[in-house]
Protein backbone atom coordinates (compact mmCIF):
# COMPACT_ATOMS: atom_id res chain seq x y z
CA MET A 1 31.14 90.56 18.68
CA LEU A 2 32.05 94.01 19.96
CA ARG A 3 30.97 96.73 17.56
CA ALA A 4 33.20 99.78 17.08
CA ALA A 5 30.14 102.01 17.24
CA ALA A 6 29.60 100.93 20.82
CA LEU A 7 33.14 101.90 21.75
CA VAL A 8 33.67 105.18 19.94
CA GLY A 9 35.86 106.54 22.69
CA LEU A 10 38.24 103.60 22.34
CA ALA A 11 38.34 103.49 18.55
CA GLY A 12 41.92 104.68 18.42
CA LEU A 13 43.08 102.03 20.85
CA LEU A 14 41.19 99.28 19.08
CA ALA A 15 42.82 100.25 15.79
CA VAL A 16 46.30 99.53 17.17
CA PRO A 17 47.35 95.94 16.34
CA ALA A 18 48.68 93.77 19.14
CA PRO A 19 52.47 93.33 19.27
CA ALA A 20 53.76 90.34 17.32
CA HIS A 21 54.87 88.53 20.48
CA ALA A 22 51.39 88.94 21.98
CA GLN A 23 49.80 87.51 18.84
CA ALA A 24 52.21 84.55 18.92
CA ASP A 25 51.53 83.96 22.61
CA TYR A 26 47.78 83.95 22.00
CA ALA A 27 48.07 81.55 19.03
CA SER A 28 49.95 79.14 21.28
CA ALA A 29 47.49 79.56 24.16
CA PHE A 30 44.53 78.99 21.84
CA THR A 31 46.08 75.85 20.36
CA ASP A 32 47.18 74.55 23.76
CA ALA A 33 43.62 74.96 25.08
CA PHE A 34 42.32 72.94 22.14
CA ALA A 35 44.94 70.23 22.63
CA ALA A 36 44.24 69.88 26.35
CA ALA A 37 40.49 69.60 25.90
CA CYS A 38 40.16 67.82 22.57
CA VAL A 39 43.04 65.37 22.16
CA PRO A 40 43.08 63.13 25.29
CA GLY A 41 39.51 61.81 25.06
CA ARG A 42 38.84 62.21 21.36
CA LEU A 43 38.09 58.50 20.71
CA THR A 44 34.76 58.49 22.57
CA TYR A 45 32.11 61.05 23.43
CA GLU A 46 32.12 60.40 27.17
CA ALA A 47 35.91 60.53 27.34
CA SER A 48 35.87 63.80 25.39
CA LEU A 49 33.41 65.33 27.84
CA ALA A 50 35.57 64.17 30.75
CA ALA A 51 38.71 65.59 29.13
CA ALA A 52 37.03 68.98 28.70
CA ARG A 53 36.04 69.07 32.36
CA ASP A 54 39.50 67.92 33.44
CA ALA A 55 40.95 70.82 31.42
CA GLY A 56 38.90 73.28 33.47
CA TRP A 57 35.94 73.89 31.16
CA SER A 58 32.55 74.57 32.77
CA THR A 59 29.24 73.50 31.23
CA VAL A 60 27.18 76.34 29.80
CA SER A 61 23.99 76.63 27.77
CA ALA A 62 24.47 77.23 24.06
CA GLN A 63 21.83 79.94 24.47
CA SER A 64 24.25 81.93 26.63
CA HIS A 65 25.82 83.46 23.50
CA PRO A 66 23.73 84.33 20.43
CA GLU A 67 26.36 83.21 17.93
CA LEU A 68 26.94 79.93 19.76
CA ALA A 69 23.18 79.36 19.77
CA ALA A 70 23.10 79.95 16.01
CA ILE A 71 26.05 77.61 15.43
CA MET A 72 24.40 74.80 17.36
CA ALA A 73 21.00 75.33 15.76
CA LEU A 74 22.60 74.89 12.33
CA ALA A 75 24.63 71.88 13.52
CA GLU A 76 21.52 70.17 14.87
CA GLU A 77 19.62 70.85 11.65
CA GLU A 78 22.37 69.36 9.49
CA ALA A 79 23.12 66.41 11.78
CA ARG A 80 19.46 65.43 11.97
CA ASP A 81 18.87 65.59 8.23
CA PRO A 82 15.75 63.44 7.60
CA GLU A 83 17.53 61.87 4.64
CA LEU A 84 20.08 60.36 7.05
CA GLU A 85 18.76 57.09 8.45
CA GLY A 86 18.90 56.79 12.22
CA ALA A 87 20.53 60.20 12.61
CA GLU A 88 21.25 61.29 16.18
CA PHE A 89 23.09 64.33 17.52
CA HIS A 90 24.20 65.16 21.05
CA TYR A 91 26.48 67.88 22.38
CA GLU A 92 27.59 69.82 25.42
CA ALA A 93 28.84 73.39 25.40
CA PHE A 94 31.49 74.74 27.76
CA LEU A 95 32.99 78.09 28.77
CA LYS A 96 36.48 78.99 29.97
CA ALA A 97 38.88 81.92 29.90
CA VAL A 98 41.88 81.40 27.62
CA ALA A 99 44.59 84.05 27.77
CA GLY A 100 42.15 86.08 29.87
CA LEU A 101 39.42 86.02 27.20
CA PRO A 102 36.12 84.08 27.18
CA HIS A 103 36.14 81.05 24.89
CA HIS A 104 33.54 78.40 24.12
CA LEU A 105 34.10 74.69 23.55
CA VAL A 106 31.60 72.27 22.03
CA VAL A 107 31.95 68.49 22.26
CA SER A 108 29.51 66.67 19.98
CA ARG A 109 28.51 63.17 18.90
CA ALA A 110 26.79 62.57 15.56
CA SER A 111 25.69 59.17 14.28
CA PHE A 112 23.83 57.87 11.23
CA VAL A 113 23.36 54.71 9.19
CA LEU A 114 24.64 54.27 5.65
CA ASP A 115 24.39 50.52 5.04
CA ASP A 116 24.24 48.30 8.12
CA PRO A 117 21.93 49.47 10.95
CA GLU A 118 24.09 47.43 13.33
CA ASP A 119 27.18 49.37 12.30
CA PRO A 120 26.35 53.11 12.26
CA TRP A 121 28.85 55.83 11.44
CA VAL A 122 29.68 57.71 14.65
CA PHE A 123 31.79 60.85 14.90
CA VAL A 124 32.96 62.75 17.97
CA GLY A 125 33.60 66.43 17.31
CA CYS A 126 35.56 68.96 19.34
CA HIS A 127 35.24 72.65 18.49
CA LEU A 128 36.98 75.63 20.13
CA TYR A 129 35.61 79.14 19.54
CA ASN A 130 36.70 82.68 20.31
CA LEU A 131 33.58 84.48 19.18
CA GLU A 132 35.08 87.86 20.06
CA ALA A 133 38.28 87.46 17.99
CA THR A 134 39.00 90.30 15.59
CA ALA A 135 42.02 88.82 13.78
CA PRO A 136 43.26 85.43 12.59
CA ILE A 137 46.12 83.64 14.35
CA ASP A 138 49.38 82.19 13.14
CA PRO A 139 48.59 78.56 12.18
CA ALA A 140 52.09 77.34 13.11
CA PRO A 141 51.13 76.05 16.59
CA VAL A 142 48.32 73.99 15.04
CA THR A 143 50.76 72.57 12.49
CA ALA A 144 53.02 71.52 15.38
CA LEU A 145 50.10 69.86 17.18
CA ILE A 146 48.80 67.97 14.14
CA GLY A 147 52.22 66.90 12.88
CA ASN A 148 51.31 67.60 9.25
CA PRO A 149 51.86 70.62 7.01
CA ILE A 150 48.84 72.68 6.01
CA SER A 151 47.13 70.98 3.07
CA ARG A 152 44.98 73.92 2.00
CA THR A 153 44.71 77.64 2.78
CA GLN A 154 42.04 80.02 1.55
CA THR A 155 41.74 83.75 2.17
CA ASP A 156 38.72 85.39 0.61
CA GLN A 157 35.73 87.59 1.46
CA GLY A 158 36.82 88.24 5.02
CA VAL A 159 37.59 84.59 5.79
CA GLU A 160 40.96 82.97 6.47
CA SER A 161 40.84 79.17 6.48
CA HIS A 162 43.49 76.48 6.96
CA VAL A 163 43.03 72.72 6.65
CA TRP A 164 45.34 69.94 7.81
CA GLY A 165 45.01 66.29 6.79
CA PRO A 166 44.46 63.50 9.35
CA PRO A 167 47.03 63.86 12.16
CA CYS A 168 49.68 61.17 12.15
CA PRO A 169 49.81 60.88 15.99
CA MET A 170 46.00 60.64 16.32
CA PRO A 171 44.52 57.60 14.55
CA ARG A 172 40.81 57.73 13.62
CA THR A 173 40.86 61.56 13.65
CA GLY A 174 40.06 63.33 10.38
CA ASP A 175 40.95 66.73 8.99
CA THR A 176 41.57 69.72 11.26
CA TYR A 177 40.09 73.12 10.43
CA LEU A 178 41.15 76.59 11.60
CA ASN A 179 38.84 79.37 10.46
CA PHE A 180 38.63 83.10 11.07
CA VAL A 181 35.54 85.02 9.93
CA GLU A 182 35.79 88.79 10.25
CA GLU A 183 32.97 91.08 11.29
CA GLY A 184 30.94 92.12 8.24
CA SER A 185 32.09 89.24 6.04
CA VAL A 186 29.49 88.11 3.52
CA VAL A 187 30.32 84.54 4.55
CA ALA A 188 28.87 85.30 7.99
CA ASP A 189 25.46 85.07 6.32
CA VAL A 190 26.16 81.37 5.73
CA LEU A 191 28.39 80.58 8.71
CA PRO A 192 26.43 81.94 11.69
CA PHE A 193 29.40 83.37 13.58
CA THR A 194 32.33 85.74 13.40
CA GLY A 195 35.61 85.14 15.17
CA LEU A 196 37.96 82.20 15.44
CA ALA A 197 37.22 78.46 15.34
CA LEU A 198 39.42 75.34 15.54
CA ASN A 199 37.98 71.85 15.25
CA PHE A 200 38.35 68.24 14.25
CA SER A 201 36.19 65.11 14.33
CA THR A 202 37.13 61.54 15.20
CA SER A 203 35.53 58.25 14.21
CA GLU A 204 34.38 56.93 17.58
CA LEU A 205 36.16 53.81 18.81
CA PRO A 206 33.65 50.95 19.16
CA ALA A 207 33.18 49.58 22.67
CA GLY A 208 35.65 46.82 23.45
CA GLU A 209 37.98 47.69 20.58
CA GLU A 210 41.61 48.47 21.37
CA GLU A 211 42.97 51.94 20.68
CA PRO A 212 44.88 51.87 17.38
CA GLU A 213 48.58 52.65 17.15
CA PRO A 214 49.63 56.05 15.73
CA TYR A 215 50.19 56.16 11.99
CA CYS A 216 53.78 57.32 12.51
């Protein structure tokens, strides 16, 4: 994240909030970028990777950004919990400009066994990050995408969080999360990033199984 101390000469400019129409335009651009990359191929890992590339995202190392590296290190640690039988975790990170600003996308696949080793739980995740964001966005474009009202909102300790239940038009996809963590938030000690994040996970469609009909 950019630190004000590094830009003393621009402090006055940085303190001026963006016009409301600019904020609305960015919220739509951010959500549209997520929809284009994360919705079309969400039912399988390979299709999700292909959808990201088709949407113009370029592969990048997670180590290319310190906060992205920290996010993925924590994700790998949690996904490969030794208490989870047969746990596996794979991901690819991507980079693209959205509304003229650098954004990161992570497509992941996590699997583990609960009961039947022949029938593991497999989830495909899609995560969009603006790790330079300094303000939350209007959640309305995400509500329009998901087709459900917000089920829970929390604003506390420098974090603004919105959660939507499983999207009616997207069977097998779970809750959707939009989070903003401001610079200096105490929560940043637990969540290894500041900025804006939008994500959901989908139960991967088994090979040979037909795509289910929408819930609505």
